[in-house]
Amino acid sequence: MESSPRYQPSADKKPEIRAEEKLLLSRRDAAQVLSISQRALDYLVATRRLPTRRIGGRVLIPMADLRKYARADHPEPIVG
C-alpha cells in the first residue's frame, strides 16, 4: 500500500498541506480561500468582521471562521 506523496517528508522540503486542511491560514491564503484581494481581507480583519489569532508576529485567520463568513450573506461593500 503506497502512502500519499504529500506526507512523505523530504530532506529539504516540508510536506505540503492543503489550505482546506489547515486550522489557521495566513492572510494571503485566507484571501485566496475567500476569492478576495488581500487588501479586502485586511479590511475585514481591521473592522473585526473576521477574527484573527496572533502567533509571534504572524496574523492568522482560523479556517472555521472563514467558512462561517463564507456561508453568510454580506450585501454591504467590503471596502467603504
C-alpha atoms as a PDB file:
ATOM      1  CA  MET A   1       0.000   0.000   0.000  1.00  0.00           C
ATOM      2  CA  GLU A   2       1.507   3.328  -1.062  1.00  0.00           C
ATOM      3  CA  SER A   3       1.220   6.431   1.040  1.00  0.00           C
ATOM      4  CA  SER A   4       0.288   9.811  -0.362  1.00  0.00           C
ATOM      5  CA  PRO A   5       3.297  11.795  -1.654  1.00  0.00           C
ATOM      6  CA  ARG A   6       2.329  14.894   0.322  1.00  0.00           C
ATOM      7  CA  TYR A   7       3.012  13.039   3.579  1.00  0.00           C
ATOM      8  CA  GLN A   8       6.463  11.829   2.562  1.00  0.00           C
ATOM      9  CA  PRO A   9       8.917  14.276   4.085  1.00  0.00           C
ATOM     10  CA  SER A  10      11.983  15.027   2.049  1.00  0.00           C
ATOM     11  CA  ALA A  11      15.319  16.163   3.426  1.00  0.00           C
ATOM     12  CA  ASP A  12      14.998  19.715   2.076  1.00  0.00           C
ATOM     13  CA  LYS A  13      11.246  20.413   1.995  1.00  0.00           C
ATOM     14  CA  LYS A  14       8.337  20.315   4.435  1.00  0.00           C
ATOM     15  CA  PRO A  15       5.299  18.252   3.436  1.00  0.00           C
ATOM     16  CA  GLU A  16       2.581  20.249   1.664  1.00  0.00           C
ATOM     17  CA  ILE A  17      -0.737  20.654   3.464  1.00  0.00           C
ATOM     18  CA  ARG A  18      -3.721  21.947   1.530  1.00  0.00           C
ATOM     19  CA  ALA A  19      -5.306  25.175   2.768  1.00  0.00           C
ATOM     20  CA  GLU A  20      -8.595  23.379   3.498  1.00  0.00           C
ATOM     21  CA  GLU A  21      -6.789  21.058   5.937  1.00  0.00           C
ATOM     22  CA  LYS A  22      -5.115  23.808   7.965  1.00  0.00           C
ATOM     23  CA  LEU A  23      -6.559  25.166  11.202  1.00  0.00           C
ATOM     24  CA  LEU A  24      -5.054  28.642  10.738  1.00  0.00           C
ATOM     25  CA  LEU A  25      -4.297  30.417   7.461  1.00  0.00           C
ATOM     26  CA  SER A  26      -2.026  33.292   6.552  1.00  0.00           C
ATOM     27  CA  ARG A  27      -3.665  36.469   5.292  1.00  0.00           C
ATOM     28  CA  ARG A  28      -2.634  35.612   1.730  1.00  0.00           C
ATOM     29  CA  ASP A  29      -4.087  32.096   1.904  1.00  0.00           C
ATOM     30  CA  ALA A  30      -7.263  33.330   3.622  1.00  0.00           C
ATOM     31  CA  ALA A  31      -7.817  35.892   0.854  1.00  0.00           C
ATOM     32  CA  GLN A  32      -7.420  33.153  -1.749  1.00  0.00           C
ATOM     33  CA  VAL A  33      -9.894  30.888   0.055  1.00  0.00           C
ATOM     34  CA  LEU A  34     -12.497  33.689   0.064  1.00  0.00           C
ATOM     35  CA  SER A  35     -11.608  34.717  -3.521  1.00  0.00           C
ATOM     36  CA  ILE A  36     -10.988  38.317  -2.481  1.00  0.00           C
ATOM     37  CA  SER A  37      -7.940  40.568  -2.545  1.00  0.00           C
ATOM     38  CA  GLN A  38      -5.560  40.675   0.388  1.00  0.00           C
ATOM     39  CA  ARG A  39      -6.473  44.329   0.856  1.00  0.00           C
ATOM     40  CA  ALA A  40     -10.159  43.394   1.184  1.00  0.00           C
ATOM     41  CA  LEU A  41      -9.226  40.703   3.707  1.00  0.00           C
ATOM     42  CA  ASP A  42      -7.163  43.230   5.678  1.00  0.00           C
ATOM     43  CA  TYR A  43     -10.246  45.485   5.786  1.00  0.00           C
ATOM     44  CA  LEU A  44     -12.389  42.616   7.125  1.00  0.00           C
ATOM     45  CA  VAL A  45      -9.783  41.975   9.821  1.00  0.00           C
ATOM     46  CA  ALA A  46      -9.435  45.686  10.700  1.00  0.00           C
ATOM     47  CA  THR A  47     -13.219  46.093  11.044  1.00  0.00           C
ATOM     48  CA  ARG A  48     -13.367  42.892  13.122  1.00  0.00           C
ATOM     49  CA  ARG A  49     -15.628  41.076  10.671  1.00  0.00           C
ATOM     50  CA  LEU A  50     -13.061  38.270  10.712  1.00  0.00           C
ATOM     51  CA  PRO A  51     -11.327  37.213  13.931  1.00  0.00           C
ATOM     52  CA  THR A  52      -7.598  36.600  13.979  1.00  0.00           C
ATOM     53  CA  ARG A  53      -5.039  34.776  16.076  1.00  0.00           C
ATOM     54  CA  ARG A  54      -1.508  36.044  16.621  1.00  0.00           C
ATOM     55  CA  ILE A  55       1.400  33.675  16.900  1.00  0.00           C
ATOM     56  CA  GLY A  56       4.591  35.632  17.280  1.00  0.00           C
ATOM     57  CA  GLY A  57       4.438  38.380  14.692  1.00  0.00           C
ATOM     58  CA  ARG A  58       2.127  36.446  12.368  1.00  0.00           C
ATOM     59  CA  VAL A  59      -1.546  37.282  11.927  1.00  0.00           C
ATOM     60  CA  LEU A  60      -3.501  34.099  11.209  1.00  0.00           C
ATOM     61  CA  ILE A  61      -7.176  33.555  10.429  1.00  0.00           C
ATOM     62  CA  PRO A  62      -8.969  30.417  11.650  1.00  0.00           C
ATOM     63  CA  MET A  63     -10.337  28.275   8.801  1.00  0.00           C
ATOM     64  CA  ALA A  64     -13.553  27.703  10.776  1.00  0.00           C
ATOM     65  CA  ASP A  65     -14.196  31.468  10.828  1.00  0.00           C
ATOM     66  CA  LEU A  66     -13.512  31.744   7.092  1.00  0.00           C
ATOM     67  CA  ARG A  67     -16.095  29.022   6.437  1.00  0.00           C
ATOM     68  CA  LYS A  68     -18.585  30.743   8.760  1.00  0.00           C
ATOM     69  CA  TYR A  69     -18.048  34.068   6.970  1.00  0.00           C
ATOM     70  CA  ALA A  70     -18.414  32.452   3.548  1.00  0.00           C
ATOM     71  CA  ARG A  71     -21.712  30.761   4.489  1.00  0.00           C
ATOM     72  CA  ALA A  72     -23.383  34.075   5.423  1.00  0.00           C
ATOM     73  CA  ASP A  73     -24.673  36.775   3.083  1.00  0.00           C
ATOM     74  CA  HIS A  74     -22.845  40.129   3.098  1.00  0.00           C
ATOM     75  CA  PRO A  75     -24.719  42.643   0.919  1.00  0.00           C
ATOM     76  CA  GLU A  76     -22.680  45.636   2.155  1.00  0.00           C
ATOM     77  CA  PRO A  77     -19.490  46.544   0.274  1.00  0.00           C
ATOM     78  CA  ILE A  78     -16.278  45.188   1.776  1.00  0.00           C
ATOM     79  CA  VAL A  79     -14.290  48.418   1.424  1.00  0.00           C
ATOM     80  CA  GLY A  80     -16.121  51.653   2.160  1.00  0.00           C
END
